[in-house]
């Protein structure tokens, strides 16, 4: 255990600058390509619904479960008051969680904490798995957990670092695309409430926030976008080494 904690708190070598940049390009292509995005978006949905679930617990609501679907949608069901700060924060958390996770991973990687980044991802996936309540959701989270676990336990330090940077880039880029998709689809979605609790993911979070706060849904979409763009800009500055910044400036 002493060795494990020392490694977890310690620093590890990071890839060369060109490898970090290449991992960012690959992550961007995965987000922009329709085929790869349909598969990879499941990871963003896991983070999105996990954000709803975590904030619901922190705000004192009762979490009933998370459901993930094969069309990459999801929903998080909670019990509690239908109005008030708790339900507002819970609804707000979904779209901002993936880019903020990417920013957190970028911060850890910038400090060379590769192992800590991977173990944090594992911990979040395990916590999400415990809240999943449908078969597809179980399979999706297990697949993501198995992938991260395999890299963490069996891959070399160099592969772990490349994987960690790829995940950080993907969360940053992948956290931005759903906001644009939300704006396009928000007008076609109809908000509804469950008879036993609030449901997040089965309809537009922005529309629900509009009903809860009287602030137009478009303002919430703009806020989601602002958070995503800010996280991407700051995260990119953290992920790209200073030497590459200087080279690009010249």
Protein backbone atom coordinates (compact mmCIF):
# COMPACT_ATOMS: atom_id res chain seq x y z
CA UNK A 1 0.00 0.00 0.00
CA UNK A 2 2.85 2.37 0.77
CA UNK A 3 4.28 1.78 -2.70
CA UNK A 4 0.84 2.25 -4.28
CA UNK A 5 0.18 5.55 -2.52
CA UNK A 6 3.68 6.78 -3.31
CA UNK A 7 3.10 6.05 -6.98
CA UNK A 8 -0.36 7.60 -6.92
CA UNK A 9 0.92 10.83 -5.38
CA UNK A 10 4.13 10.85 -7.40
CA UNK A 11 4.85 12.09 -10.90
CA UNK A 12 5.42 10.13 -14.08
CA UNK A 13 7.10 10.95 -17.40
CA UNK A 14 4.93 12.53 -20.07
CA UNK A 15 5.11 12.06 -23.87
CA UNK A 16 7.02 14.37 -26.21
CA UNK A 17 5.25 17.51 -27.36
CA UNK A 18 4.47 16.11 -30.81
CA UNK A 19 2.80 13.04 -29.28
CA UNK A 20 0.64 15.26 -27.07
CA UNK A 21 -0.38 17.34 -30.08
CA UNK A 22 -1.07 14.19 -32.13
CA UNK A 23 -3.28 12.78 -29.37
CA UNK A 24 -5.28 16.00 -29.49
CA UNK A 25 -5.72 15.70 -33.26
CA UNK A 26 -6.90 12.10 -32.94
CA UNK A 27 -9.37 13.07 -30.22
CA UNK A 28 -10.70 15.94 -32.34
CA UNK A 29 -11.17 13.64 -35.35
CA UNK A 30 -13.01 11.13 -33.16
CA UNK A 31 -15.40 13.88 -32.11
CA UNK A 32 -15.92 15.34 -35.58
CA UNK A 33 -16.39 12.05 -37.44
CA UNK A 34 -20.01 10.91 -37.32
CA UNK A 35 -19.23 7.20 -37.13
CA UNK A 36 -16.67 7.34 -34.36
CA UNK A 37 -18.66 9.99 -32.49
CA UNK A 38 -21.73 7.77 -32.23
CA UNK A 39 -19.64 5.19 -30.37
CA UNK A 40 -17.41 7.55 -28.42
CA UNK A 41 -20.33 9.73 -27.33
CA UNK A 42 -21.26 7.01 -24.85
CA UNK A 43 -18.29 8.13 -22.75
CA UNK A 44 -19.56 11.71 -22.76
CA UNK A 45 -23.03 10.50 -21.77
CA UNK A 46 -21.53 8.56 -18.85
CA UNK A 47 -19.79 11.73 -17.67
CA UNK A 48 -22.93 13.84 -18.28
CA UNK A 49 -25.23 11.58 -16.26
CA UNK A 50 -22.56 11.03 -13.64
CA UNK A 51 -22.44 14.80 -13.16
CA UNK A 52 -26.19 14.92 -12.59
CA UNK A 53 -25.94 12.06 -10.11
CA UNK A 54 -23.02 13.49 -8.13
CA UNK A 55 -24.51 16.96 -7.78
CA UNK A 56 -27.90 15.53 -6.83
CA UNK A 57 -26.28 13.69 -3.92
CA UNK A 58 -24.21 16.71 -2.89
CA UNK A 59 -27.32 18.90 -2.92
CA UNK A 60 -29.24 16.53 -0.65
CA UNK A 61 -31.45 14.85 -3.24
CA UNK A 62 -32.04 11.10 -3.32
CA UNK A 63 -30.52 9.35 -6.33
CA UNK A 64 -32.70 6.57 -7.73
CA UNK A 65 -30.48 5.61 -10.61
CA UNK A 66 -28.93 6.25 -14.01
CA UNK A 67 -30.05 4.75 -17.31
CA UNK A 68 -27.91 4.82 -20.47
CA UNK A 69 -29.36 3.99 -23.89
CA UNK A 70 -27.95 2.65 -27.15
CA UNK A 71 -28.74 5.92 -28.96
CA UNK A 72 -26.19 7.55 -26.58
CA UNK A 73 -28.90 9.32 -24.59
CA UNK A 74 -29.34 8.85 -20.86
CA UNK A 75 -31.35 9.89 -17.86
CA UNK A 76 -30.73 10.32 -14.16
CA UNK A 77 -33.70 9.92 -11.82
CA UNK A 78 -33.72 11.63 -8.43
CA UNK A 79 -36.17 12.30 -5.64
CA UNK A 80 -36.57 15.55 -3.77
CA UNK A 81 -38.13 18.97 -4.06
CA UNK A 82 -39.18 19.92 -7.57
CA UNK A 83 -37.91 23.47 -7.08
CA UNK A 84 -35.02 25.13 -5.31
CA UNK A 85 -31.23 25.32 -5.63
CA UNK A 86 -30.73 21.54 -5.41
CA UNK A 87 -32.76 20.68 -8.48
CA UNK A 88 -31.34 23.66 -10.40
CA UNK A 89 -27.75 22.63 -9.69
CA UNK A 90 -28.56 19.03 -10.56
CA UNK A 91 -30.00 20.04 -13.92
CA UNK A 92 -27.07 22.39 -14.56
CA UNK A 93 -24.40 19.78 -13.87
CA UNK A 94 -24.86 17.53 -16.90
CA UNK A 95 -23.45 19.53 -19.80
CA UNK A 96 -20.67 21.16 -17.80
CA UNK A 97 -19.30 17.96 -16.27
CA UNK A 98 -17.44 16.47 -19.31
CA UNK A 99 -15.45 19.64 -20.14
CA UNK A 100 -14.71 20.27 -16.46
CA UNK A 101 -13.50 16.67 -16.09
CA UNK A 102 -11.28 17.27 -19.10
CA UNK A 103 -9.95 20.43 -17.50
CA UNK A 104 -9.24 18.57 -14.26
CA UNK A 105 -7.43 15.82 -16.15
CA UNK A 106 -5.40 18.45 -18.02
CA UNK A 107 -4.40 20.05 -14.74
CA UNK A 108 -3.24 16.71 -13.30
CA UNK A 109 -1.35 15.81 -16.47
CA UNK A 110 0.32 19.21 -16.59
CA UNK A 111 1.69 18.36 -13.13
CA UNK A 112 2.81 14.94 -14.49
CA UNK A 113 0.31 13.03 -12.34
CA UNK A 114 -0.52 10.42 -14.98
CA UNK A 115 -1.27 7.62 -12.51
CA UNK A 116 -3.53 9.82 -10.41
CA UNK A 117 -5.45 10.81 -13.54
CA UNK A 118 -6.11 7.20 -14.53
CA UNK A 119 -7.12 6.13 -11.02
CA UNK A 120 -9.47 9.10 -10.71
CA UNK A 121 -11.14 8.02 -13.96
CA UNK A 122 -11.48 4.50 -12.60
CA UNK A 123 -12.99 5.74 -9.34
CA UNK A 124 -15.56 7.87 -11.17
CA UNK A 125 -16.49 4.99 -13.48
CA UNK A 126 -16.94 2.59 -10.57
CA UNK A 127 -19.13 5.11 -8.73
CA UNK A 128 -21.24 5.57 -11.87
CA UNK A 129 -21.52 1.80 -12.34
CA UNK A 130 -23.06 1.46 -8.89
CA UNK A 131 -25.83 3.87 -9.89
CA UNK A 132 -26.68 2.35 -13.29
CA UNK A 133 -30.06 0.62 -13.48
CA UNK A 134 -30.33 -0.87 -16.98
CA UNK A 135 -28.50 -3.56 -18.96
CA UNK A 136 -27.09 -1.34 -21.72
CA UNK A 137 -25.83 1.12 -19.14
CA UNK A 138 -24.07 -1.66 -17.24
CA UNK A 139 -22.40 -2.88 -20.44
CA UNK A 140 -21.35 0.63 -21.48
CA UNK A 141 -19.82 1.51 -18.12
CA UNK A 142 -18.17 -1.92 -17.79
CA UNK A 143 -16.60 -1.52 -21.24
CA UNK A 144 -15.22 1.92 -20.37
CA UNK A 145 -13.99 0.67 -16.99
CA UNK A 146 -12.33 -2.37 -18.53
CA UNK A 147 -10.49 -0.20 -21.04
CA UNK A 148 -9.17 2.22 -18.43
CA UNK A 149 -8.35 -0.65 -16.07
CA UNK A 150 -6.39 -2.53 -18.75
CA UNK A 151 -4.28 0.53 -19.52
CA UNK A 152 -3.76 1.32 -15.84
CA UNK A 153 -2.66 -2.18 -14.85
CA UNK A 154 -0.95 -3.65 -17.90
CA UNK A 155 0.29 -0.87 -20.18
CA UNK A 156 3.71 0.72 -20.00
CA UNK A 157 4.20 4.15 -18.49
CA UNK A 158 4.52 5.68 -21.96
CA UNK A 159 1.24 4.14 -23.15
CA UNK A 160 -0.51 5.24 -19.96
CA UNK A 161 0.63 8.81 -20.51
CA UNK A 162 -0.54 8.88 -24.14
CA UNK A 163 -3.87 7.37 -23.12
CA UNK A 164 -4.31 9.91 -20.33
CA UNK A 165 -3.65 12.81 -22.70
CA UNK A 166 -6.02 11.34 -25.27
CA UNK A 167 -8.79 11.06 -22.68
CA UNK A 168 -8.25 14.63 -21.52
CA UNK A 169 -8.40 15.96 -25.08
CA UNK A 170 -11.48 13.88 -25.82
CA UNK A 171 -13.35 15.17 -22.78
CA UNK A 172 -12.49 18.75 -23.73
CA UNK A 173 -13.53 18.41 -27.39
CA UNK A 174 -16.34 15.95 -26.69
CA UNK A 175 -17.79 18.20 -24.01
CA UNK A 176 -18.31 20.97 -26.56
CA UNK A 177 -20.10 19.11 -29.36
CA UNK A 178 -23.22 18.12 -27.34
CA UNK A 179 -23.88 21.78 -26.58
CA UNK A 180 -24.20 22.51 -30.30
CA UNK A 181 -26.38 19.42 -30.69
CA UNK A 182 -28.52 20.60 -27.80
CA UNK A 183 -29.21 23.95 -29.41
CA UNK A 184 -30.26 22.27 -32.66
CA UNK A 185 -32.57 19.78 -30.98
CA UNK A 186 -33.93 21.84 -28.06
CA UNK A 187 -36.83 23.25 -30.02
CA UNK A 188 -37.90 19.73 -31.02
CA UNK A 189 -37.87 18.33 -27.52
CA UNK A 190 -40.79 18.50 -25.18
CA UNK A 191 -40.08 18.75 -21.48
CA UNK A 192 -41.88 16.46 -19.15
CA UNK A 193 -41.66 15.41 -15.52
CA UNK A 194 -41.84 11.97 -14.08
CA UNK A 195 -44.56 11.23 -11.59
CA UNK A 196 -42.07 10.07 -8.97
CA UNK A 197 -39.09 12.32 -9.48
CA UNK A 198 -37.13 14.61 -11.74
CA UNK A 199 -35.55 13.02 -14.81
CA UNK A 200 -32.45 14.46 -16.50
CA UNK A 201 -31.38 13.39 -19.96
CA UNK A 202 -34.77 12.34 -21.36
CA UNK A 203 -35.38 15.98 -22.34
CA UNK A 204 -33.50 19.22 -22.62
CA UNK A 205 -31.68 20.29 -19.47
CA UNK A 206 -31.82 23.87 -20.76
CA UNK A 207 -35.60 23.75 -21.09
CA UNK A 208 -35.95 22.36 -17.60
CA UNK A 209 -33.66 25.07 -16.22
CA UNK A 210 -35.79 27.63 -18.03
CA UNK A 211 -38.90 26.33 -16.28
CA UNK A 212 -37.19 26.25 -12.91
CA UNK A 213 -35.57 29.69 -13.07
CA UNK A 214 -37.60 31.70 -15.60
CA UNK A 215 -34.33 32.33 -17.42
CA UNK A 216 -34.68 31.52 -21.16
CA UNK A 217 -33.31 28.16 -22.29
CA UNK A 218 -31.06 29.85 -24.81
CA UNK A 219 -29.21 31.58 -21.97
CA UNK A 220 -28.50 28.22 -20.36
CA UNK A 221 -27.27 26.80 -23.65
CA UNK A 222 -24.96 29.81 -23.97
CA UNK A 223 -23.69 29.15 -20.43
CA UNK A 224 -23.00 25.50 -21.28
CA UNK A 225 -21.11 26.64 -24.36
CA UNK A 226 -19.13 29.23 -22.44
CA UNK A 227 -18.02 26.65 -19.89
CA UNK A 228 -17.07 24.18 -22.65
CA UNK A 229 -15.05 26.75 -24.63
CA UNK A 230 -13.33 28.14 -21.52
CA UNK A 231 -12.41 24.63 -20.37
CA UNK A 232 -11.05 23.81 -23.83
CA UNK A 233 -8.92 26.96 -24.02
CA UNK A 234 -7.49 26.59 -20.51
CA UNK A 235 -7.12 22.83 -20.87
CA UNK A 236 -5.23 23.18 -24.15
CA UNK A 237 -2.84 25.64 -22.51
CA UNK A 238 -2.21 23.11 -19.76
CA UNK A 239 -1.81 20.11 -22.04
CA UNK A 240 0.47 21.67 -24.66
CA UNK A 241 4.02 22.01 -23.27
CA UNK A 242 5.56 25.46 -22.99
CA UNK A 243 8.19 24.61 -25.58
CA UNK A 244 5.48 23.99 -28.17
CA UNK A 245 3.80 27.27 -27.23
CA UNK A 246 7.05 29.08 -27.93
CA UNK A 247 7.52 27.26 -31.23
CA UNK A 248 4.01 28.11 -32.40
CA UNK A 249 4.48 31.75 -31.37
CA UNK A 250 7.53 32.00 -33.58
